[in-house]
């Protein structure tokens, strides 16, 4: 109903409640019942005006109240945003403009288990969030070994989405252990939807992977999509420096790394192998990354004029790759190559450079540049009048051996074994 219709109904109700008895009063007076007293005009006008004003004010108040209730009800029922929780259980909370949950929807079987018989409709968002997280803990989806939760926020208003990020992060309480929470704003574009569908993951996880890639992680989206939310958060946190502010995302709590050796241990292993002292090291940096499905620490540092690069297995601490730029060992290899080449002066014009033989072997074995392998050894040899290079190197937990024709550059023989 509009305001005029509402006012008409109120007027009708008032008239029925207070009937018009003026004609009956006049009849009684004319038959000698009672006495007519004339009141002053001022008093009559005042009372009339007062009565009319009171009625008008009442009508305005009632109209405003009905109008306000009507609009509140409409806002109360309209979905303006969603909050998506993901560990492995996936649950979506649809919210109205007052951050009240209108619907809680499980998105997979684990989500159904977490929600159980909980009735979260018409509860405040912070209450619903903590009820769900508590159930995740109770059902073993959040533990002290894997304590990460990803919360993705969507909202019609970009400003409200930013504020919702902050509010959600504040609302999440620690349970029996310290949670590691990432809250991000998701712009569910067609491109993001297509990527999520292609990788068979949620839009929230696809958004998080893009955020991780922006931090310099080398692994592909496909490789990262196979990791759990907790593993992704461990990688994400290893690339965050000094409480860095991340556009579109907020975070708190430390992702547990009990499964991995940790950056400090990785540093100790690398420095020990390099035979350098801690006090001489500068520009040290170590990040967790994914290499061919394996979690690795990438360690870089400088000592003097030498740059060191290491890649270590994040679980066992085994050195998978090491390289020193401008180091003594590189000089020795170059010298050794030059000396070996000089022994075949008669063939010098026809023999390829030892560096080219190394590049050929490494490219064939790993597809990498020769600077990315370790323990390099290249020697010129002759067998039955045919010159060839014996090329040995290590990479990715394997030892490689090659024989390269020193004239044509053709690969004569290759072998690959586990580096024990």
Protein backbone atom coordinates (compact mmCIF):
# COMPACT_ATOMS: atom_id res chain seq x y z
CA UNK A 1 0.00 0.00 0.00
CA UNK A 2 1.06 3.61 -0.60
CA UNK A 3 0.98 6.33 2.05
CA UNK A 4 -2.49 7.66 1.04
CA UNK A 5 -4.05 4.22 1.36
CA UNK A 6 -2.40 3.74 4.77
CA UNK A 7 -3.66 7.14 5.99
CA UNK A 8 -7.19 6.40 4.79
CA UNK A 9 -7.25 3.13 6.71
CA UNK A 10 -5.97 4.82 9.88
CA UNK A 11 -8.57 7.61 9.55
CA UNK A 12 -11.36 5.08 9.13
CA UNK A 13 -10.17 3.17 12.19
CA UNK A 14 -10.06 6.37 14.29
CA UNK A 15 -13.58 7.35 13.23
CA UNK A 16 -14.93 3.95 14.22
CA UNK A 17 -13.13 4.13 17.56
CA UNK A 18 -14.48 7.70 18.24
CA UNK A 19 -18.06 7.94 16.73
CA UNK A 20 -19.68 11.30 15.83
CA UNK A 21 -22.29 11.98 18.64
CA UNK A 22 -22.85 15.73 18.06
CA UNK A 23 -26.35 15.33 16.58
CA UNK A 24 -27.51 13.23 19.55
CA UNK A 25 -26.14 15.78 22.04
CA UNK A 26 -28.08 18.58 20.30
CA UNK A 27 -31.31 16.50 20.42
CA UNK A 28 -30.94 15.88 24.16
CA UNK A 29 -30.40 19.60 24.88
CA UNK A 30 -33.52 20.61 22.88
CA UNK A 31 -35.58 18.20 25.04
CA UNK A 32 -34.37 19.73 28.27
CA UNK A 33 -31.62 17.28 28.94
CA UNK A 34 -28.45 19.16 29.86
CA UNK A 35 -27.33 22.72 29.13
CA UNK A 36 -25.42 24.16 26.18
CA UNK A 37 -22.36 26.21 27.16
CA UNK A 38 -20.72 28.31 24.45
CA UNK A 39 -16.88 28.19 24.53
CA UNK A 40 -14.65 30.92 23.22
CA UNK A 41 -13.48 30.75 19.56
CA UNK A 42 -9.85 30.68 20.66
CA UNK A 43 -10.39 27.64 22.81
CA UNK A 44 -12.35 25.80 20.15
CA UNK A 45 -9.76 26.54 17.47
CA UNK A 46 -6.94 25.54 19.76
CA UNK A 47 -8.55 22.24 20.62
CA UNK A 48 -9.49 21.58 17.04
CA UNK A 49 -6.04 22.44 15.81
CA UNK A 50 -4.43 20.40 18.59
CA UNK A 51 -6.58 17.41 17.78
CA UNK A 52 -5.94 17.72 14.07
CA UNK A 53 -2.17 18.17 14.68
CA UNK A 54 -2.11 15.11 16.91
CA UNK A 55 -3.88 13.02 14.31
CA UNK A 56 -1.54 14.32 11.58
CA UNK A 57 1.55 13.57 13.68
CA UNK A 58 0.25 10.11 14.46
CA UNK A 59 -0.40 9.47 10.78
CA UNK A 60 3.13 10.60 9.87
CA UNK A 61 4.72 8.43 12.56
CA UNK A 62 2.67 5.39 11.60
CA UNK A 63 3.46 5.95 7.92
CA UNK A 64 7.18 6.28 8.64
CA UNK A 65 7.16 3.17 10.80
CA UNK A 66 5.35 1.10 8.17
CA UNK A 67 7.61 2.48 5.42
CA UNK A 68 10.74 1.68 7.49
CA UNK A 69 9.60 -1.85 8.35
CA UNK A 70 8.74 -2.53 4.71
CA UNK A 71 12.16 -1.41 3.49
CA UNK A 72 14.01 -3.22 6.29
CA UNK A 73 12.22 -6.44 5.36
CA UNK A 74 13.22 -6.07 1.73
CA UNK A 75 16.90 -5.48 2.65
CA UNK A 76 16.77 -8.32 5.15
CA UNK A 77 15.84 -10.83 2.46
CA UNK A 78 18.18 -9.68 -0.32
CA UNK A 79 21.54 -11.44 -0.84
CA UNK A 80 24.27 -8.83 -1.39
CA UNK A 81 27.36 -10.95 -0.84
CA UNK A 82 28.84 -14.32 0.04
CA UNK A 83 31.60 -15.64 2.26
CA UNK A 84 33.20 -18.90 1.14
CA UNK A 85 35.18 -21.05 3.59
CA UNK A 86 37.59 -23.66 2.25
CA UNK A 87 39.94 -26.14 3.91
CA UNK A 88 38.90 -29.27 2.18
CA UNK A 89 35.32 -28.81 3.36
CA UNK A 90 33.78 -26.04 1.24
CA UNK A 91 30.89 -23.97 2.62
CA UNK A 92 29.24 -20.83 1.24
CA UNK A 93 27.42 -18.30 3.44
CA UNK A 94 25.01 -15.94 1.67
CA UNK A 95 24.61 -12.67 3.58
CA UNK A 96 22.38 -9.59 3.51
CA UNK A 97 23.33 -5.94 3.90
CA UNK A 98 23.35 -6.32 7.72
CA UNK A 99 25.86 -9.25 7.60
CA UNK A 100 23.15 -11.69 8.59
CA UNK A 101 23.36 -15.18 7.12
CA UNK A 102 20.45 -15.94 4.80
CA UNK A 103 21.68 -19.38 3.78
CA UNK A 104 24.55 -21.77 4.56
CA UNK A 105 25.30 -24.11 1.66
CA UNK A 106 27.77 -27.03 1.69
CA UNK A 107 29.69 -27.28 -1.61
CA UNK A 108 31.09 -30.79 -1.17
CA UNK A 109 30.57 -33.89 0.98
CA UNK A 110 33.02 -32.71 3.64
CA UNK A 111 31.09 -29.44 3.81
CA UNK A 112 27.89 -31.39 4.54
CA UNK A 113 29.64 -33.20 7.37
CA UNK A 114 30.86 -29.95 8.89
CA UNK A 115 27.44 -28.25 8.77
CA UNK A 116 25.66 -31.32 10.10
CA UNK A 117 22.41 -30.19 11.71
CA UNK A 118 23.51 -26.65 12.44
CA UNK A 119 20.86 -24.01 11.71
CA UNK A 120 22.81 -20.90 10.72
CA UNK A 121 20.06 -18.99 8.92
CA UNK A 122 19.33 -15.57 10.51
CA UNK A 123 22.53 -15.70 12.61
CA UNK A 124 25.16 -12.97 12.51
CA UNK A 125 28.10 -13.70 10.21
CA UNK A 126 30.74 -13.77 12.98
CA UNK A 127 28.71 -16.33 14.94
CA UNK A 128 28.25 -18.53 11.86
CA UNK A 129 31.95 -18.34 10.93
CA UNK A 130 33.16 -19.50 14.32
CA UNK A 131 30.52 -22.21 14.53
CA UNK A 132 31.75 -23.64 11.21
CA UNK A 133 35.44 -23.37 12.15
CA UNK A 134 34.71 -25.07 15.47
CA UNK A 135 33.02 -27.92 13.62
CA UNK A 136 36.02 -28.20 11.27
CA UNK A 137 38.27 -28.60 14.29
CA UNK A 138 35.92 -31.11 15.90
CA UNK A 139 35.76 -33.20 12.72
CA UNK A 140 39.54 -33.18 12.21
CA UNK A 141 39.74 -30.96 9.14
CA UNK A 142 41.72 -28.29 11.02
CA UNK A 143 44.57 -29.60 13.17
CA UNK A 144 47.82 -28.39 14.69
CA UNK A 145 49.59 -30.02 11.72
CA UNK A 146 47.41 -28.34 9.08
CA UNK A 147 45.89 -25.17 10.54
CA UNK A 148 45.12 -23.07 7.44
CA UNK A 149 41.72 -21.85 6.27
CA UNK A 150 41.00 -19.83 3.12
CA UNK A 151 38.03 -17.43 3.27
CA UNK A 152 36.92 -15.76 0.04
CA UNK A 153 34.64 -12.72 0.09
CA UNK A 154 32.36 -11.46 -2.68
CA UNK A 155 30.13 -8.38 -2.37
CA UNK A 156 28.10 -6.09 -4.62
CA UNK A 157 30.01 -3.13 -3.20
CA UNK A 158 33.79 -3.13 -3.65
CA UNK A 159 34.19 -0.85 -0.62
CA UNK A 160 32.03 -3.14 1.50
CA UNK A 161 34.08 -6.13 0.29
CA UNK A 162 37.29 -4.51 1.57
CA UNK A 163 35.70 -3.78 4.94
CA UNK A 164 34.24 -7.27 5.07
CA UNK A 165 37.77 -8.68 4.63
CA UNK A 166 38.88 -6.84 7.75
CA UNK A 167 35.73 -7.68 9.73
CA UNK A 168 35.91 -11.39 8.88
CA UNK A 169 39.57 -11.61 9.88
CA UNK A 170 38.79 -9.93 13.23
CA UNK A 171 35.78 -12.18 13.77
CA UNK A 172 37.72 -15.44 13.35
CA UNK A 173 38.72 -16.62 16.82
CA UNK A 174 41.43 -19.11 17.71
CA UNK A 175 40.14 -22.47 18.78
CA UNK A 176 42.30 -25.10 20.46
CA UNK A 177 45.30 -23.91 18.44
CA UNK A 178 46.45 -20.93 16.42
CA UNK A 179 44.61 -20.73 13.10
CA UNK A 180 46.40 -19.48 9.99
CA UNK A 181 43.70 -17.52 8.16
CA UNK A 182 43.77 -15.91 4.72
CA UNK A 183 40.82 -13.67 3.79
CA UNK A 184 40.71 -12.48 0.18
CA UNK A 185 38.38 -10.51 -2.06
CA UNK A 186 37.34 -12.46 -5.15
CA UNK A 187 36.30 -10.75 -8.38
CA UNK A 188 34.58 -13.68 -10.01
CA UNK A 189 35.34 -12.74 -13.61
CA UNK A 190 34.67 -15.01 -16.57
CA UNK A 191 38.42 -15.56 -16.91
CA UNK A 192 38.71 -16.69 -13.29
CA UNK A 193 35.67 -18.96 -13.62
CA UNK A 194 37.15 -20.54 -16.74
CA UNK A 195 40.49 -21.11 -15.01
CA UNK A 196 38.80 -22.64 -11.96
CA UNK A 197 36.76 -24.94 -14.18
CA UNK A 198 39.81 -25.96 -16.21
CA UNK A 199 41.78 -26.82 -13.04
CA UNK A 200 38.71 -28.37 -11.35
CA UNK A 201 39.02 -26.12 -8.29
CA UNK A 202 36.95 -23.35 -6.68
CA UNK A 203 37.17 -19.73 -7.82
CA UNK A 204 38.53 -18.87 -4.38
CA UNK A 205 41.40 -21.33 -4.72
CA UNK A 206 42.09 -20.11 -8.27
CA UNK A 207 42.27 -16.53 -6.97
CA UNK A 208 44.66 -17.60 -4.19
CA UNK A 209 46.92 -19.37 -6.70
CA UNK A 210 47.08 -16.20 -8.80
CA UNK A 211 48.05 -14.26 -5.68
CA UNK A 212 50.82 -16.78 -4.96
CA UNK A 213 52.09 -16.59 -8.55
CA UNK A 214 52.32 -12.81 -8.22
CA UNK A 215 54.72 -13.33 -5.30
CA UNK A 216 57.25 -14.97 -7.66
CA UNK A 217 56.46 -18.66 -7.20
CA UNK A 218 57.78 -20.57 -10.24
CA UNK A 219 55.45 -23.56 -10.17
CA UNK A 220 52.63 -23.63 -12.70
CA UNK A 221 48.96 -23.07 -11.87
CA UNK A 222 48.31 -26.73 -12.65
CA UNK A 223 50.98 -27.90 -10.20
CA UNK A 224 49.75 -25.56 -7.48
CA UNK A 225 46.11 -26.60 -7.97
CA UNK A 226 46.99 -30.10 -6.73
CA UNK A 227 48.13 -28.76 -3.33
CA UNK A 228 45.91 -28.43 -0.27
CA UNK A 229 44.89 -25.03 1.10
CA UNK A 230 47.41 -25.50 3.91
CA UNK A 231 50.30 -26.29 1.54
CA UNK A 232 49.43 -23.25 -0.55
CA UNK A 233 49.39 -21.08 2.57
CA UNK A 234 52.81 -22.38 3.63
CA UNK A 235 54.22 -21.33 0.23
CA UNK A 236 52.35 -18.01 0.37
CA UNK A 237 53.70 -17.14 3.82
CA UNK A 238 57.29 -18.03 2.88
CA UNK A 239 57.14 -15.31 0.19
CA UNK A 240 55.72 -12.61 2.50
CA UNK A 241 58.40 -10.35 3.93
CA UNK A 242 58.09 -8.29 7.13
CA UNK A 243 54.29 -8.25 7.51
CA UNK A 244 53.92 -7.09 3.93
CA UNK A 245 50.57 -5.57 2.92
CA UNK A 246 48.92 -7.60 0.16
CA UNK A 247 46.38 -5.94 -2.13
CA UNK A 248 43.01 -7.68 -1.89
CA UNK A 249 43.99 -10.05 0.92
CA UNK A 250 44.43 -10.04 4.69
CA UNK A 251 46.04 -12.74 6.81
CA UNK A 252 46.94 -13.68 10.35
CA UNK A 253 48.45 -16.65 12.17
CA UNK A 254 51.40 -18.82 11.12
CA UNK A 255 50.89 -21.86 8.90
CA UNK A 256 52.49 -24.81 10.69
CA UNK A 257 55.49 -26.38 8.92
CA UNK A 258 56.13 -29.43 11.09
CA UNK A 259 56.36 -31.52 7.93
CA UNK A 260 59.25 -29.47 6.55
CA UNK A 261 62.80 -28.80 7.76
CA UNK A 262 62.19 -25.03 7.87
CA UNK A 263 64.12 -22.10 6.45
CA UNK A 264 66.65 -21.97 9.31
CA UNK A 265 67.65 -25.62 8.82
CA UNK A 266 67.81 -25.13 5.04
CA UNK A 267 70.15 -22.21 5.62
CA UNK A 268 72.43 -24.28 7.88
CA UNK A 269 72.65 -27.07 5.30
CA UNK A 270 73.47 -24.68 2.44
CA UNK A 271 76.13 -22.73 4.38
CA UNK A 272 77.76 -25.95 5.54
CA UNK A 273 77.93 -27.29 2.00
CA UNK A 274 79.31 -23.99 0.72
CA UNK A 275 81.92 -24.03 3.54
CA UNK A 276 81.27 -20.41 4.49
CA UNK A 277 80.74 -18.67 7.82
CA UNK A 278 77.45 -17.12 8.82
CA UNK A 279 79.11 -13.76 9.56
CA UNK A 280 80.38 -13.52 5.97
CA UNK A 281 76.98 -14.10 4.38
CA UNK A 282 74.93 -11.24 2.94
CA UNK A 283 71.66 -10.90 1.00
CA UNK A 284 70.39 -14.25 2.23
CA UNK A 285 66.98 -15.28 0.90
CA UNK A 286 65.05 -18.54 1.14
CA UNK A 287 61.58 -19.36 -0.18
CA UNK A 288 59.44 -22.46 -0.36
CA UNK A 289 58.44 -23.50 -3.88
CA UNK A 290 57.18 -26.46 -5.85
CA UNK A 291 59.51 -28.29 -8.25
CA UNK A 292 58.07 -31.19 -10.27
CA UNK A 293 55.49 -31.89 -7.59
CA UNK A 294 58.03 -31.74 -4.75
CA UNK A 295 58.23 -29.02 -2.10
CA UNK A 296 61.70 -27.43 -2.15
CA UNK A 297 63.54 -24.56 -0.49
CA UNK A 298 65.26 -22.20 -2.91
CA UNK A 299 68.21 -20.63 -1.10
CA UNK A 300 70.31 -17.72 -2.37
CA UNK A 301 73.11 -15.77 -0.69
CA UNK A 302 76.39 -14.00 -1.39
CA UNK A 303 79.84 -14.26 0.16
CA UNK A 304 82.50 -11.91 -1.16
CA UNK A 305 82.13 -11.79 -4.93
CA UNK A 306 80.48 -15.17 -5.15
CA UNK A 307 76.76 -15.84 -5.53
CA UNK A 308 75.38 -19.15 -4.26
CA UNK A 309 72.18 -20.86 -5.37
CA UNK A 310 70.80 -23.98 -3.67
CA UNK A 311 67.70 -26.10 -4.03
CA UNK A 312 66.89 -28.41 -1.10
CA UNK A 313 64.22 -31.03 -0.57
CA UNK A 314 61.86 -29.36 1.93
CA UNK A 315 61.16 -32.62 3.75
CA UNK A 316 64.53 -34.41 3.85
CA UNK A 317 66.88 -31.44 3.47
CA UNK A 318 68.76 -33.19 0.66
CA UNK A 319 70.62 -30.85 -1.70
CA UNK A 320 69.01 -31.21 -5.13
CA UNK A 321 70.94 -28.47 -6.88
CA UNK A 322 73.81 -26.08 -6.15
CA UNK A 323 75.62 -23.47 -8.17
CA UNK A 324 78.32 -20.87 -7.54
CA UNK A 325 78.65 -17.94 -9.89
CA UNK A 326 82.24 -16.74 -10.41
CA UNK A 327 83.57 -19.29 -7.90
CA UNK A 328 86.95 -21.02 -7.81
CA UNK A 329 85.42 -24.31 -8.88
CA UNK A 330 84.05 -22.67 -12.07
CA UNK A 331 87.54 -21.34 -12.86
CA UNK A 332 89.04 -24.79 -12.30
CA UNK A 333 86.48 -26.37 -14.66
CA UNK A 334 87.21 -23.79 -17.35
CA UNK A 335 90.93 -24.34 -16.93
CA UNK A 336 90.50 -28.08 -17.06
CA UNK A 337 88.45 -27.78 -20.25
CA UNK A 338 91.07 -25.58 -21.86
CA UNK A 339 93.87 -27.98 -20.93
CA UNK A 340 92.02 -31.02 -22.22
CA UNK A 341 91.30 -29.30 -25.52
CA UNK A 342 94.92 -28.30 -26.01
CA UNK A 343 96.00 -31.95 -26.03
CA UNK A 344 94.33 -32.40 -29.38
CA UNK A 345 95.90 -29.48 -31.23
CA UNK A 346 95.92 -31.43 -34.46
CA UNK A 347 92.13 -31.50 -34.33
CA UNK A 348 91.64 -28.09 -32.72
CA UNK A 349 89.95 -26.46 -35.67
CA UNK A 350 87.43 -29.30 -35.97
CA UNK A 351 86.60 -29.82 -32.27
CA UNK A 352 83.61 -28.06 -30.69
CA UNK A 353 84.16 -26.06 -27.49
CA UNK A 354 83.79 -28.03 -24.21
CA UNK A 355 81.22 -25.48 -23.02
CA UNK A 356 79.07 -26.30 -26.05
CA UNK A 357 79.31 -30.01 -25.27
CA UNK A 358 78.11 -29.30 -21.71
CA UNK A 359 75.23 -27.15 -22.93
CA UNK A 360 74.15 -29.85 -25.37
CA UNK A 361 74.12 -32.55 -22.67
CA UNK A 362 72.29 -30.44 -20.05
CA UNK A 363 69.67 -29.23 -22.51
CA UNK A 364 69.01 -32.80 -23.62
CA UNK A 365 68.76 -34.07 -20.03
CA UNK A 366 66.83 -31.34 -18.26
CA UNK A 367 65.88 -28.62 -20.71
CA UNK A 368 67.77 -26.16 -18.49
CA UNK A 369 70.75 -23.88 -18.98
CA UNK A 370 74.10 -25.40 -18.04
CA UNK A 371 74.41 -22.93 -15.13
CA UNK A 372 71.53 -24.73 -13.36
CA UNK A 373 73.34 -28.04 -12.74
CA UNK A 374 75.89 -29.09 -10.12
CA UNK A 375 79.16 -31.07 -9.87
CA UNK A 376 80.08 -30.51 -13.51
CA UNK A 377 82.98 -32.44 -15.03
CA UNK A 378 83.88 -32.33 -18.75
CA UNK A 379 86.90 -34.16 -20.21
CA UNK A 380 88.09 -34.71 -23.76
CA UNK A 381 88.89 -38.31 -24.64
CA UNK A 382 89.82 -40.35 -27.70
CA UNK A 383 88.66 -43.82 -28.57
CA UNK A 384 89.65 -45.55 -31.83
CA UNK A 385 90.60 -42.26 -33.39
CA UNK A 386 87.26 -40.59 -32.50
CA UNK A 387 87.35 -37.64 -30.13
CA UNK A 388 84.49 -37.20 -27.68
CA UNK A 389 83.68 -35.36 -24.46
CA UNK A 390 82.81 -37.25 -21.28
CA UNK A 391 80.25 -34.96 -19.59
CA UNK A 392 79.09 -35.59 -16.00
CA UNK A 393 76.77 -33.47 -13.86
CA UNK A 394 74.01 -33.66 -11.22
CA UNK A 395 70.50 -32.19 -11.06
CA UNK A 396 67.20 -32.90 -9.34
CA UNK A 397 68.45 -35.91 -7.40
CA UNK A 398 70.00 -37.60 -10.45
CA UNK A 399 73.51 -38.12 -11.86
CA UNK A 400 73.91 -37.73 -15.60
CA UNK A 401 76.68 -39.09 -17.85
CA UNK A 402 77.05 -38.19 -21.51
CA UNK A 403 79.43 -38.87 -24.38
CA UNK A 404 79.34 -36.06 -26.95
CA UNK A 405 81.10 -36.33 -30.33
CA UNK A 406 83.78 -33.62 -30.16
CA UNK A 407 83.59 -32.88 -33.88
CA UNK A 408 79.88 -33.05 -34.76
CA UNK A 409 78.36 -32.43 -31.32
CA UNK A 410 76.23 -35.56 -31.70
CA UNK A 411 75.18 -37.41 -28.51
CA UNK A 412 76.89 -40.80 -28.60
CA UNK A 413 75.64 -42.15 -25.29
CA UNK A 414 73.67 -40.97 -22.25
CA UNK A 415 72.93 -42.41 -18.82
CA UNK A 416 70.88 -41.30 -15.81
CA UNK A 417 71.01 -42.73 -12.27
CA UNK A 418 69.68 -41.80 -8.85
CA UNK A 419 72.12 -39.64 -6.88
CA UNK A 420 72.68 -41.68 -3.73
